[in-house]
Structure formats: C-alpha cells, structure tokens
C-alpha cells in the first residue's frame, strides 16, 4: 500500500506558493502527495511536475463539484460546464504525470436538495461521468468516486451507492475512493464496506472520526486494515485533514484538529505504518 497525505493538512489553497509542500512530503518519506484541483486557474502543472520530478515524489489529485459545475443540475449549461471542468482536471492530472483523480465528482458538494435523489439525478451524473471517463482513458487516468456523508451530498453516501453509479457509468477506469471519516457516519461496518469495494478500490482517505490524528479517535482501524490485508490492497491511501476554513469548499474547521500539519503527518503516519506492519501491508 502506498501512503501519502493531502496538501490541505497545511494549506487551504494550492498555488505555486505551496510547491514547497512537495519537498516536505518527500522529506517525510511519504510515497505521494494529494493535490487539490479546486482552483485550476492557480494550478501550474509545469511547475508541479518539475518539483515532483526533482524530489522523486508521486502525486494524485482530487476535487469537489460546486454549484456552477453540478453535473446533476437540470440546467444543461451547468452540466456542460461541470463535465468540461472534470475533463480539465483529468488533463491537469495527466500533465503532472499522475494517474489518479477522484473526489466528490458526481454532484454538487453540499447541495441544498429538497428531497431524495431521483432517477434523473443518477442518470445525469452517470452520463456526464461516462464522457469524462472515456476522455480519461487516452492519458491513462483512473476516476475515483468518493462517497461522503449525508451533510455533504445527497447522492453517494455509501460504497454500495458508489458501485451503483460505477455500473451506470459502465467504464472500467471508474473506481472507488473510500474515506474513513465519512464511513464512520454512513456505513454499518468499516470491514464490510472496504471489502465491498474489492478490486475497484483505488484510493483510501485514512481519516479519524474528527479528522484529527489517525489512531486518536473512534475509527475501527483493525476492521479497515484486516479488510485491506485480505484484499492484498496495493493502491493509494492518504491522511486527510484540513488546516483552516476556505472559500474553495466547505471544510467546517472551527477548531484546531491537530497541533500542526507536521504533527498530523508525523504521528498519523507512524500509527498508520504500525497498522500496515501489523497486517502485512
């Protein structure tokens, strides 16, 4: 299993001003950095790739859809804009030499829905994501659907629902991205949900129930790692926390979740690596 960390552990906005985080993550001996693509206008792919290559670090990318890029919208123009945004994210991912792009890419993050999603919501999402997945095949980028909790999306809250959407999309480069923080709210079992993802699992956010340092809260880490070991998981897994409130997306960071990003990385990675050794990962 490859272990990394999300850049938002230190910053709330990615730009060339945060390129030094690549060096920091490399110096800590991590396998990769997860880079947010919320602001493509500030994303300098050439500079990112140059820094990654210089230190010998890999990267993955992620994002969430907002109101003006909601591919479940009944407004065709918004759906078209959202589809193009996701394609642009795929290109940005490929341009830095990465092969994994995921997140809340199936509907607006924190959409104020009036009721449960209907067939049209699922269909619109699947149709747009199929177009994105087909586009992503040529550069060899996998697309990951990340289930998140009921307060952040009305569409995909569980692994089972992510697999439903994957089947509707019908493309083999569409995968599953699980997150322990959201699973703690929505799933009945960390073990069962992880096993359900099976060979489609491409990325795992190793988050504590409060998004603080892994191993200090309520998440059943043994259930997660037992499942990953049985699956012989060799994909990516990242520590994810947020340092601050940002206008890029809702993070709800009303208090300090860890003493610092460095402390989160040091203590969290130590705990996760111990779990990896315990379960032969």
Protein backbone atom coordinates (compact mmCIF):
# COMPACT_ATOMS: atom_id res chain seq x y z
CA UNK A 1 0.00 0.00 0.00
CA UNK A 2 1.28 3.45 -0.91
CA UNK A 3 0.96 6.09 1.82
CA UNK A 4 0.55 9.81 1.23
CA UNK A 5 -1.03 12.95 2.64
CA UNK A 6 -3.40 15.64 1.37
CA UNK A 7 -1.90 19.11 0.91
CA UNK A 8 -4.81 20.64 2.82
CA UNK A 9 -3.14 19.43 6.03
CA UNK A 10 -1.01 22.57 5.65
CA UNK A 11 -2.77 24.93 3.27
CA UNK A 12 -6.30 25.94 2.26
CA UNK A 13 -5.38 26.94 -1.30
CA UNK A 14 -2.94 25.27 -3.70
CA UNK A 15 -0.74 27.52 -5.84
CA UNK A 16 2.93 27.95 -6.70
CA UNK A 17 3.28 29.45 -3.21
CA UNK A 18 2.72 25.96 -1.77
CA UNK A 19 5.11 23.99 -4.01
CA UNK A 20 7.45 23.54 -1.03
CA UNK A 21 4.90 21.11 0.41
CA UNK A 22 6.08 18.63 -2.20
CA UNK A 23 9.57 18.79 -0.69
CA UNK A 24 8.13 18.48 2.83
CA UNK A 25 6.12 15.36 1.97
CA UNK A 26 9.14 13.83 0.25
CA UNK A 27 11.40 14.60 3.22
CA UNK A 28 8.94 12.77 5.48
CA UNK A 29 9.39 9.66 3.32
CA UNK A 30 5.85 9.53 2.02
CA UNK A 31 5.01 7.87 -1.30
CA UNK A 32 2.84 10.65 -2.71
CA UNK A 33 1.11 13.96 -2.14
CA UNK A 34 -2.59 14.52 -2.85
CA UNK A 35 -3.05 17.84 -4.63
CA UNK A 36 -6.44 19.62 -4.76
CA UNK A 37 -7.66 20.94 -8.11
CA UNK A 38 -10.29 23.33 -6.74
CA UNK A 39 -8.60 26.32 -8.40
CA UNK A 40 -7.33 25.25 -11.81
CA UNK A 41 -6.60 28.89 -12.59
CA UNK A 42 -3.86 28.74 -9.94
CA UNK A 43 -2.62 25.25 -10.84
CA UNK A 44 0.72 25.41 -12.68
CA UNK A 45 1.13 21.87 -14.00
CA UNK A 46 4.62 22.50 -15.36
CA UNK A 47 5.88 23.82 -12.03
CA UNK A 48 4.24 20.99 -10.10
CA UNK A 49 5.67 18.30 -12.36
CA UNK A 50 9.12 19.87 -12.25
CA UNK A 51 9.09 19.86 -8.43
CA UNK A 52 7.71 16.32 -8.24
CA UNK A 53 10.37 15.04 -10.64
CA UNK A 54 13.11 16.92 -8.82
CA UNK A 55 12.39 15.22 -5.48
CA UNK A 56 11.18 11.89 -6.90
CA UNK A 57 7.66 12.06 -5.46
CA UNK A 58 4.39 10.81 -6.95
CA UNK A 59 1.07 12.67 -6.84
CA UNK A 60 -2.66 12.06 -7.03
CA UNK A 61 -5.35 14.71 -7.45
CA UNK A 62 -8.87 15.34 -6.17
CA UNK A 63 -11.66 17.91 -6.21
CA UNK A 64 -15.34 18.53 -5.48
CA UNK A 65 -18.04 19.98 -7.71
CA UNK A 66 -19.67 23.28 -6.74
CA UNK A 67 -23.00 24.84 -7.75
CA UNK A 68 -21.83 26.11 -11.12
CA UNK A 69 -20.33 22.73 -12.06
CA UNK A 70 -23.07 20.42 -10.72
CA UNK A 71 -23.48 17.60 -13.24
CA UNK A 72 -26.82 16.61 -11.69
CA UNK A 73 -28.27 20.06 -12.41
CA UNK A 74 -31.38 20.29 -14.60
CA UNK A 75 -29.59 23.16 -16.39
CA UNK A 76 -27.76 21.72 -19.40
CA UNK A 77 -25.27 24.60 -19.43
CA UNK A 78 -24.22 23.87 -15.85
CA UNK A 79 -23.86 20.16 -16.64
CA UNK A 80 -21.76 21.00 -19.69
CA UNK A 81 -19.56 23.32 -17.61
CA UNK A 82 -19.16 20.64 -14.94
CA UNK A 83 -18.22 18.00 -17.49
CA UNK A 84 -15.62 20.29 -19.03
CA UNK A 85 -14.24 21.16 -15.59
CA UNK A 86 -13.78 17.46 -14.81
CA UNK A 87 -12.06 16.93 -18.17
CA UNK A 88 -9.76 19.85 -17.38
CA UNK A 89 -8.98 18.18 -14.04
CA UNK A 90 -8.13 14.95 -15.87
CA UNK A 91 -5.77 16.87 -18.15
CA UNK A 92 -4.14 18.63 -15.18
CA UNK A 93 -3.70 15.24 -13.53
CA UNK A 94 -2.09 13.76 -16.63
CA UNK A 95 0.10 16.83 -17.16
CA UNK A 96 1.87 16.26 -13.83
CA UNK A 97 2.35 12.57 -14.57
CA UNK A 98 -0.37 11.39 -12.18
CA UNK A 99 -2.86 8.62 -12.93
CA UNK A 100 -5.44 9.00 -10.15
CA UNK A 101 -8.16 11.68 -9.95
CA UNK A 102 -11.06 11.41 -7.52
CA UNK A 103 -13.40 13.12 -5.08
CA UNK A 104 -16.97 14.37 -4.93
CA UNK A 105 -17.17 14.49 -8.72
CA UNK A 106 -20.70 13.17 -9.19
CA UNK A 107 -22.82 16.08 -7.88
CA UNK A 108 -22.54 19.45 -6.14
CA UNK A 109 -20.77 19.32 -2.80
CA UNK A 110 -23.23 20.39 -0.07
CA UNK A 111 -26.17 20.68 -2.47
CA UNK A 112 -29.31 22.01 -0.80
CA UNK A 113 -31.54 19.24 -2.10
CA UNK A 114 -35.26 19.32 -1.32
CA UNK A 115 -35.65 15.55 -1.35
CA UNK A 116 -34.01 12.26 -2.13
CA UNK A 117 -32.26 11.95 -5.50
CA UNK A 118 -34.43 10.67 -8.33
CA UNK A 119 -33.65 8.70 -11.46
CA UNK A 120 -32.82 11.89 -13.36
CA UNK A 121 -30.13 12.82 -10.82
CA UNK A 122 -28.43 9.45 -11.16
CA UNK A 123 -28.79 9.43 -14.96
CA UNK A 124 -27.37 12.93 -15.43
CA UNK A 125 -24.41 12.17 -13.19
CA UNK A 126 -23.69 8.87 -14.94
CA UNK A 127 -23.95 10.34 -18.42
CA UNK A 128 -21.57 13.20 -17.67
CA UNK A 129 -19.09 10.97 -15.85
CA UNK A 130 -19.13 8.47 -18.71
CA UNK A 131 -17.99 11.25 -21.03
CA UNK A 132 -15.24 12.20 -18.57
CA UNK A 133 -14.16 8.58 -18.09
CA UNK A 134 -13.91 7.99 -21.83
CA UNK A 135 -11.85 11.18 -22.15
CA UNK A 136 -9.57 9.98 -19.31
CA UNK A 137 -8.75 6.68 -21.00
CA UNK A 138 -6.26 8.07 -23.51
CA UNK A 139 -3.97 9.64 -20.86
CA UNK A 140 -4.50 6.57 -18.63
CA UNK A 141 -6.19 8.34 -15.72
CA UNK A 142 -8.47 6.46 -13.33
CA UNK A 143 -11.55 8.26 -11.99
CA UNK A 144 -12.49 7.67 -8.34
CA UNK A 145 -15.97 8.13 -6.86
CA UNK A 146 -15.75 9.16 -3.20
CA UNK A 147 -18.85 8.53 -1.07
CA UNK A 148 -19.28 11.28 1.52
CA UNK A 149 -21.70 11.81 4.37
CA UNK A 150 -25.32 12.93 4.11
CA UNK A 151 -24.48 16.50 5.07
CA UNK A 152 -22.11 16.86 2.11
CA UNK A 153 -24.04 15.10 -0.65
CA UNK A 154 -27.49 13.71 -1.29
CA UNK A 155 -26.33 11.25 -3.96
CA UNK A 156 -23.47 8.91 -2.96
CA UNK A 157 -23.12 8.29 0.78
CA UNK A 158 -22.01 4.64 0.81
CA UNK A 159 -19.73 2.24 -1.03
CA UNK A 160 -22.80 0.40 -2.31
CA UNK A 161 -24.13 3.60 -3.91
CA UNK A 162 -20.73 4.37 -5.44
CA UNK A 163 -20.72 0.91 -7.02
CA UNK A 164 -24.24 1.54 -8.34
CA UNK A 165 -23.06 4.73 -10.05
CA UNK A 166 -19.97 2.96 -11.39
CA UNK A 167 -22.19 0.32 -13.01
CA UNK A 168 -24.36 3.02 -14.55
CA UNK A 169 -21.29 4.75 -15.99
CA UNK A 170 -20.05 1.47 -17.42
CA UNK A 171 -16.37 2.33 -17.90
CA UNK A 172 -13.54 0.24 -16.48
CA UNK A 173 -11.40 3.21 -15.44
CA UNK A 174 -14.07 4.34 -12.95
CA UNK A 175 -13.04 3.21 -9.47
CA UNK A 176 -13.95 3.68 -5.79
CA UNK A 177 -12.37 6.07 -3.29
CA UNK A 178 -13.31 5.41 0.36
CA UNK A 179 -12.91 7.79 3.30
CA UNK A 180 -12.99 6.60 6.93
CA UNK A 181 -14.36 9.93 8.18
CA UNK A 182 -17.49 9.59 6.04
CA UNK A 183 -17.72 5.84 6.54
CA UNK A 184 -17.88 6.42 10.30
CA UNK A 185 -21.20 8.18 9.72
CA UNK A 186 -22.77 6.25 6.84
CA UNK A 187 -21.55 2.65 6.84
CA UNK A 188 -22.60 -0.16 9.17
CA UNK A 189 -19.15 -1.75 9.06
CA UNK A 190 -15.72 -0.47 8.03
CA UNK A 191 -14.74 -4.04 7.19
CA UNK A 192 -17.77 -4.87 5.04
CA UNK A 193 -17.69 -1.58 3.13
CA UNK A 194 -13.99 -1.92 2.39
CA UNK A 195 -14.39 -5.50 1.19
CA UNK A 196 -17.38 -4.45 -0.92
CA UNK A 197 -15.18 -2.08 -2.92
CA UNK A 198 -12.94 -5.01 -3.77
CA UNK A 199 -10.74 -4.71 -6.84
CA UNK A 200 -12.37 -1.37 -7.69
CA UNK A 201 -10.79 0.33 -4.67
CA UNK A 202 -8.19 2.84 -5.90
CA UNK A 203 -7.80 5.32 -3.02
CA UNK A 204 -8.50 5.47 0.72
CA UNK A 205 -8.61 8.54 2.95
CA UNK A 206 -7.30 7.39 6.31
CA UNK A 207 -9.16 9.93 8.45
CA UNK A 208 -10.08 9.85 12.11
CA UNK A 209 -13.75 10.41 13.03
CA UNK A 210 -12.99 14.07 13.88
CA UNK A 211 -10.45 14.46 11.03
CA UNK A 212 -7.73 14.69 13.64
CA UNK A 213 -4.69 12.44 14.01
CA UNK A 214 -5.42 8.81 12.99
CA UNK A 215 -5.43 6.49 15.98
CA UNK A 216 -6.69 9.08 18.46
CA UNK A 217 -10.44 8.68 17.93
CA UNK A 218 -13.27 6.24 17.28
CA UNK A 219 -12.48 4.72 13.87
CA UNK A 220 -12.12 0.91 13.93
CA UNK A 221 -8.72 0.74 12.26
CA UNK A 222 -8.37 -3.00 12.76
CA UNK A 223 -11.50 -3.59 10.69
CA UNK A 224 -10.15 -1.41 7.90
CA UNK A 225 -6.70 -2.96 7.82
CA UNK A 226 -7.99 -6.50 8.17
CA UNK A 227 -10.09 -5.94 5.04
CA UNK A 228 -7.23 -4.28 3.16
CA UNK A 229 -4.89 -7.13 4.07
CA UNK A 230 -7.38 -9.76 2.91
CA UNK A 231 -7.75 -7.83 -0.35
CA UNK A 232 -3.95 -7.54 -0.66
CA UNK A 233 -4.53 -3.85 -1.33
CA UNK A 234 -1.62 -2.18 -3.11
CA UNK A 235 -3.28 1.10 -4.04
CA UNK A 236 -3.04 4.60 -2.59
CA UNK A 237 -4.05 5.71 0.90
CA UNK A 238 -3.73 9.25 2.23
CA UNK A 239 -4.02 11.06 5.52
CA UNK A 240 -6.53 13.87 5.10
CA UNK A 241 -7.29 16.76 7.39
CA UNK A 242 -7.95 20.46 6.90
CA UNK A 243 -5.92 23.26 8.37
CA UNK A 244 -8.48 26.05 8.06
CA UNK A 245 -11.79 27.29 6.70
CA UNK A 246 -11.61 28.06 2.98
CA UNK A 247 -13.87 29.63 0.41
CA UNK A 248 -12.86 26.94 -2.12
CA UNK A 249 -15.19 24.44 -0.44
CA UNK A 250 -16.85 23.86 2.92
CA UNK A 251 -14.39 22.36 5.43
CA UNK A 252 -16.07 23.32 8.75
CA UNK A 253 -12.75 23.62 10.61
CA UNK A 254 -13.97 25.51 13.66
CA UNK A 255 -11.17 24.32 15.93
CA UNK A 256 -7.59 23.05 15.69
CA UNK A 257 -7.80 19.37 14.66
CA UNK A 258 -4.10 18.68 15.26
CA UNK A 259 -1.28 20.77 16.74
CA UNK A 260 0.03 21.30 13.19
CA UNK A 261 0.16 19.70 9.77
CA UNK A 262 3.59 18.36 10.66
CA UNK A 263 2.25 16.75 13.84
CA UNK A 264 -0.63 15.21 11.90
CA UNK A 265 1.83 13.74 9.42
CA UNK A 266 4.39 12.55 11.97
CA UNK A 267 2.02 10.99 14.49
CA UNK A 268 -0.59 9.87 11.98
CA UNK A 269 1.86 8.24 9.60
CA UNK A 270 3.59 6.49 12.50
CA UNK A 271 0.27 4.99 13.57
CA UNK A 272 -0.72 4.00 10.04
CA UNK A 273 2.67 2.44 9.30
CA UNK A 274 2.37 0.38 12.50
CA UNK A 275 -1.02 -0.84 11.27
CA UNK A 276 0.48 -1.63 7.88
CA UNK A 277 3.20 -3.72 9.50
CA UNK A 278 0.68 -5.44 11.76
CA UNK A 279 -1.37 -6.56 8.77
CA UNK A 280 1.46 -7.15 6.30
CA UNK A 281 0.73 -4.20 4.06
